[in-house]
Amino acid sequence: MVNNGIVPQYYVENSHEPIIPREIFMQVQEEMVRRANLHSGKGGKKRVYSSKYALSSIVYCGECGEIYRRVHWNNRGYKSIVWRCVSRLEEKGSDCTSPTINEETLQTAVVKAINEVLASKNTFLFILQDNIATVLNEENDKATDEIDRKLDELQNELLRLANSKADYNEVADEIYRLRELKKNALVENAEREGKRQRIAEMTDFLSQQSCEIQEYDEQLVRRLIERITVFDDKMTIEFKSSVKINL
């Protein structure tokens, strides 16, 4: 392979210090993974992540598995905002019979779930302590120092081969392989860090909140709620700390 000067430049990395704290980097990595893997429905359809509303992309149909979407509803002249399964919105002749939920009803259910957790905070704090112990006992975060050391050596070797116009395909392939290993390790580390962070945030909320919340709060929902599943006769609200409430 002829070296045109592009490959050595492309491969060189780790040339400067990171500009964001590690914990923020890990949280961002985990959220990117979650959004990139947002699928719904029985066929696992890829869905575009939406962050316009706190409930966007976290409300799911208990019947077909699709996400619920916020819709401005006009039923015989009566205007309202509802959430409805997208299979009923997008697929003609859909067999899904999931209920359409008024936005206020959905928000009230979220407030009720949060207050149920607060009402039994001592029990849930014990559960959270058990959960965080489980996370901490998982395999330790995978260090990437050794991978970085090998990558540095291989990148120097690549530069040497390229400058001497020698074939560097084998070295390049190994660099690709190690970069993939590093990426996978960072993703796994981010997921574990995310678990720890979510449990810690829920623990802080329960410890600091001394009374019931009185109204729906978008920021609180973004902070605490992982997923809401709507069934014909109930809703399941899952918190980011793995606590689950059935209403």
Protein backbone atom coordinates (compact mmCIF):
# COMPACT_ATOMS: atom_id res chain seq x y z
CA MET A 1 0.00 0.00 0.00
CA VAL A 2 1.36 3.39 -0.96
CA ASN A 3 1.49 5.94 1.82
CA ASN A 4 -0.02 9.30 0.83
CA GLY A 5 0.42 10.88 4.25
CA ILE A 6 -3.22 10.53 5.28
CA VAL A 7 -3.11 7.20 7.14
CA PRO A 8 -0.47 8.11 9.77
CA GLN A 9 -2.30 11.33 10.52
CA TYR A 10 -5.61 9.44 10.83
CA TYR A 11 -4.29 6.88 13.26
CA VAL A 12 -2.51 9.15 15.72
CA GLU A 13 -4.63 9.78 18.83
CA ASN A 14 -4.38 10.64 22.56
CA SER A 15 -2.32 13.73 21.71
CA HIS A 16 -4.03 16.02 24.24
CA GLU A 17 -5.73 15.92 27.63
CA PRO A 18 -9.53 15.44 27.80
CA ILE A 19 -11.47 18.68 28.34
CA ILE A 20 -14.50 17.23 30.19
CA PRO A 21 -14.61 15.36 33.53
CA ARG A 22 -14.65 11.56 33.35
CA GLU A 23 -18.03 11.18 35.08
CA ILE A 24 -19.72 13.50 32.58
CA PHE A 25 -18.05 11.69 29.68
CA MET A 26 -19.34 8.34 30.99
CA GLN A 27 -22.88 9.63 31.40
CA VAL A 28 -22.87 11.08 27.88
CA GLN A 29 -21.51 7.83 26.44
CA GLU A 30 -24.24 5.80 28.15
CA GLU A 31 -26.99 8.14 26.93
CA MET A 32 -25.62 8.02 23.38
CA VAL A 33 -25.74 4.22 23.47
CA ARG A 34 -29.32 4.28 24.77
CA ARG A 35 -30.51 6.68 22.11
CA ALA A 36 -28.67 4.88 19.31
CA ASN A 37 -30.35 1.60 20.31
CA LEU A 38 -33.88 2.93 20.68
CA HIS A 39 -36.13 0.22 19.21
CA SER A 40 -39.78 -0.58 19.76
CA GLY A 41 -42.50 -2.93 18.61
CA LYS A 42 -42.53 -6.67 18.12
CA GLY A 43 -40.23 -6.32 15.12
CA GLY A 44 -37.76 -4.16 17.02
CA LYS A 45 -38.26 -1.16 14.73
CA LYS A 46 -35.64 1.55 14.93
CA ARG A 47 -37.08 4.75 16.38
CA VAL A 48 -35.71 8.30 16.31
CA TYR A 49 -35.02 9.61 19.79
CA SER A 50 -37.01 12.69 20.78
CA SER A 51 -36.22 14.90 23.76
CA LYS A 52 -38.85 17.62 23.27
CA TYR A 53 -40.92 16.35 26.20
CA ALA A 54 -39.80 14.38 29.24
CA LEU A 55 -42.24 11.58 28.34
CA SER A 56 -41.04 11.36 24.73
CA SER A 57 -39.45 8.00 23.90
CA ILE A 58 -40.11 6.51 27.35
CA VAL A 59 -43.83 5.64 27.09
CA TYR A 60 -44.47 2.21 25.57
CA CYS A 61 -47.48 0.14 24.56
CA GLY A 62 -47.99 -2.94 26.73
CA GLU A 63 -49.72 -4.76 23.87
CA CYS A 64 -47.48 -4.37 20.82
CA GLY A 65 -44.35 -2.82 22.35
CA GLU A 66 -44.40 0.34 20.23
CA ILE A 67 -43.71 3.78 21.68
CA TYR A 68 -46.47 6.22 22.48
CA ARG A 69 -46.47 9.58 20.73
CA ARG A 70 -47.87 12.93 21.85
CA VAL A 71 -50.80 13.99 19.67
CA HIS A 72 -53.07 17.02 19.48
CA TRP A 73 -56.49 15.39 19.46
CA ASN A 74 -59.71 16.81 18.04
CA ASN A 75 -62.59 14.51 18.86
CA ARG A 76 -65.91 15.92 17.66
CA GLY A 77 -64.80 19.46 18.32
CA TYR A 78 -63.22 18.71 21.70
CA LYS A 79 -59.51 19.52 21.58
CA SER A 80 -57.05 17.83 23.91
CA ILE A 81 -53.51 16.48 24.08
CA VAL A 82 -53.21 12.71 24.25
CA TRP A 83 -50.56 10.01 23.99
CA ARG A 84 -51.21 7.14 21.59
CA CYS A 85 -49.41 4.02 20.37
CA VAL A 86 -47.67 4.81 17.07
CA SER A 87 -48.83 1.53 15.53
CA ARG A 88 -52.37 2.88 15.73
CA LEU A 89 -51.21 6.18 14.26
CA GLU A 90 -48.99 4.89 11.44
CA GLU A 91 -50.20 1.41 10.49
CA LYS A 92 -53.49 1.05 8.67
CA GLY A 93 -55.42 -1.93 9.93
CA SER A 94 -53.25 -2.29 13.06
CA ASP A 95 -54.43 -5.03 15.41
CA CYS A 96 -53.27 -3.05 18.44
CA THR A 97 -56.13 -2.03 20.73
CA SER A 98 -54.05 -0.14 23.29
CA PRO A 99 -55.77 2.76 25.03
CA THR A 100 -55.29 6.40 24.15
CA ILE A 101 -54.16 8.27 27.27
CA ASN A 102 -54.96 11.88 28.05
CA GLU A 103 -51.73 13.75 28.82
CA GLU A 104 -53.03 14.97 32.17
CA THR A 105 -53.94 11.39 33.13
CA LEU A 106 -50.45 10.22 32.23
CA GLN A 107 -48.79 13.02 34.15
CA THR A 108 -51.00 12.39 37.19
CA ALA A 109 -49.97 8.71 37.14
CA VAL A 110 -46.30 9.71 37.15
CA VAL A 111 -46.82 12.03 40.13
CA LYS A 112 -48.72 9.26 41.95
CA ALA A 113 -45.90 6.75 41.32
CA ILE A 114 -43.27 9.17 42.64
CA ASN A 115 -45.36 9.85 45.73
CA GLU A 116 -45.87 6.11 46.34
CA VAL A 117 -42.10 5.70 46.40
CA LEU A 118 -41.80 8.66 48.76
CA ALA A 119 -44.48 7.23 51.06
CA SER A 120 -42.41 4.07 51.48
CA LYS A 121 -39.00 5.71 51.21
CA ASN A 122 -37.38 3.60 53.94
CA THR A 123 -38.27 0.39 52.13
CA PHE A 124 -37.08 1.75 48.80
CA LEU A 125 -33.88 3.15 50.27
CA PHE A 126 -33.10 -0.36 51.50
CA ILE A 127 -33.80 -1.73 48.01
CA LEU A 128 -31.55 0.93 46.47
CA GLN A 129 -28.72 0.09 48.85
CA ASP A 130 -29.04 -3.54 47.82
CA ASN A 131 -29.08 -2.56 44.15
CA ILE A 132 -25.98 -0.40 44.43
CA ALA A 133 -24.17 -3.18 46.29
CA THR A 134 -24.98 -5.48 43.36
CA VAL A 135 -23.64 -2.95 40.85
CA LEU A 136 -20.48 -2.40 42.86
CA ASN A 137 -19.94 -6.15 43.01
CA GLU A 138 -20.10 -6.43 39.24
CA GLU A 139 -16.89 -6.79 37.29
CA ASN A 140 -14.72 -3.75 37.85
CA ASP A 141 -14.51 -1.11 35.15
CA LYS A 142 -12.22 -2.36 32.46
CA ALA A 143 -9.03 -0.36 32.34
CA THR A 144 -7.97 0.78 28.90
CA ASP A 145 -4.44 1.83 29.89
CA GLU A 146 -2.88 -1.33 28.45
CA ILE A 147 -4.85 -0.96 25.23
CA ASP A 148 -3.74 2.67 24.99
CA ARG A 149 -0.12 1.62 25.52
CA LYS A 150 -0.32 -0.97 22.74
CA LEU A 151 -2.08 1.51 20.45
CA ASP A 152 0.69 4.02 21.04
CA GLU A 153 3.31 1.44 20.13
CA LEU A 154 1.43 0.34 17.02
CA GLN A 155 0.87 3.92 15.88
CA ASN A 156 4.59 4.59 16.13
CA GLU A 157 5.23 1.39 14.18
CA LEU A 158 2.68 2.47 11.59
CA LEU A 159 4.42 5.79 11.14
CA ARG A 160 7.76 4.04 10.76
CA LEU A 161 6.41 1.64 8.12
CA ALA A 162 4.55 4.37 6.27
CA ASN A 163 7.59 6.64 6.15
CA SER A 164 9.69 3.81 4.78
CA LYS A 165 6.95 3.00 2.23
CA ALA A 166 6.56 -0.50 3.67
CA ASP A 167 3.30 -2.44 3.87
CA TYR A 168 1.46 -1.49 7.07
CA ASN A 169 -1.84 -3.36 6.49
CA GLU A 170 -1.23 -5.88 9.29
CA VAL A 171 -0.43 -3.13 11.80
CA ALA A 172 -3.45 -1.12 10.67
CA ASP A 173 -5.73 -4.14 11.16
CA GLU A 174 -4.42 -4.64 14.68
CA ILE A 175 -5.03 -0.95 15.45
CA TYR A 176 -8.61 -1.32 14.26
CA ARG A 177 -9.05 -4.42 16.43
CA LEU A 178 -7.69 -2.73 19.55
CA ARG A 179 -9.78 0.36 18.95
CA GLU A 180 -12.88 -1.83 18.81
CA LEU A 181 -11.88 -3.48 22.10
CA LYS A 182 -11.37 -0.06 23.65
CA LYS A 183 -14.74 1.17 22.40
CA ASN A 184 -16.52 -1.89 23.83
CA ALA A 185 -14.75 -1.45 27.18
CA LEU A 186 -15.76 2.21 27.33
CA VAL A 187 -19.39 1.34 26.55
CA GLU A 188 -19.47 -1.30 29.30
CA ASN A 189 -17.84 1.12 31.74
CA ALA A 190 -20.37 3.81 30.81
CA GLU A 191 -23.28 1.45 31.42
CA ARG A 192 -21.98 0.53 34.88
CA GLU A 193 -21.29 4.17 35.69
CA GLY A 194 -24.81 5.01 34.57
CA LYS A 195 -26.30 2.40 36.91
CA ARG A 196 -24.35 3.79 39.84
CA GLN A 197 -25.35 7.36 38.97
CA ARG A 198 -29.05 6.55 38.60
CA ILE A 199 -29.19 4.73 41.92
CA ALA A 200 -27.28 7.55 43.64
CA GLU A 201 -29.65 10.19 42.22
CA MET A 202 -32.73 8.25 43.35
CA THR A 203 -31.20 7.78 46.80
CA ASP A 204 -30.47 11.51 47.06
CA PHE A 205 -34.00 12.39 45.97
CA LEU A 206 -35.63 10.10 48.54
CA SER A 207 -33.31 11.27 51.29
CA GLN A 208 -33.84 14.98 50.60
CA GLN A 209 -37.53 15.09 49.64
CA SER A 210 -39.52 15.43 52.88
CA CYS A 211 -43.05 15.72 51.45
CA GLU A 212 -45.15 14.62 48.51
CA ILE A 213 -44.78 16.44 45.21
CA GLN A 214 -47.89 18.39 44.26
CA GLU A 215 -47.56 18.73 40.51
CA TYR A 216 -45.96 17.20 37.46
CA ASP A 217 -42.36 18.31 36.93
CA GLU A 218 -40.63 17.76 33.57
CA GLN A 219 -37.13 17.99 35.02
CA LEU A 220 -37.94 15.54 37.80
CA VAL A 221 -39.30 13.05 35.28
CA ARG A 222 -36.15 13.35 33.15
CA ARG A 223 -34.10 12.75 36.28
CA LEU A 224 -36.02 9.77 37.70
CA ILE A 225 -38.19 7.91 35.17
CA GLU A 226 -36.80 5.27 32.82
CA ARG A 227 -39.88 3.77 31.16
CA ILE A 228 -43.68 3.79 31.33
CA THR A 229 -45.65 0.86 29.92
CA VAL A 230 -49.35 1.34 29.22
CA PHE A 231 -51.73 -1.63 29.44
CA ASP A 232 -55.52 -1.78 29.12
CA ASP A 233 -56.07 -1.83 32.87
CA LYS A 234 -52.85 -0.52 34.39
CA MET A 235 -49.57 1.33 33.92
CA THR A 236 -46.10 0.21 34.98
CA ILE A 237 -43.69 3.01 35.82
CA GLU A 238 -40.02 2.06 36.02
CA PHE A 239 -37.54 4.38 37.67
CA LYS A 240 -33.95 4.71 36.45
CA SER A 241 -32.81 3.06 39.65
CA SER A 242 -34.69 -0.20 38.78
CA VAL A 243 -37.56 0.56 41.20
CA LYS A 244 -40.92 -0.32 39.60
CA ILE A 245 -44.45 0.82 40.48
CA ASN A 246 -47.69 -0.68 39.11
CA LEU A 247 -50.73 1.58 39.01
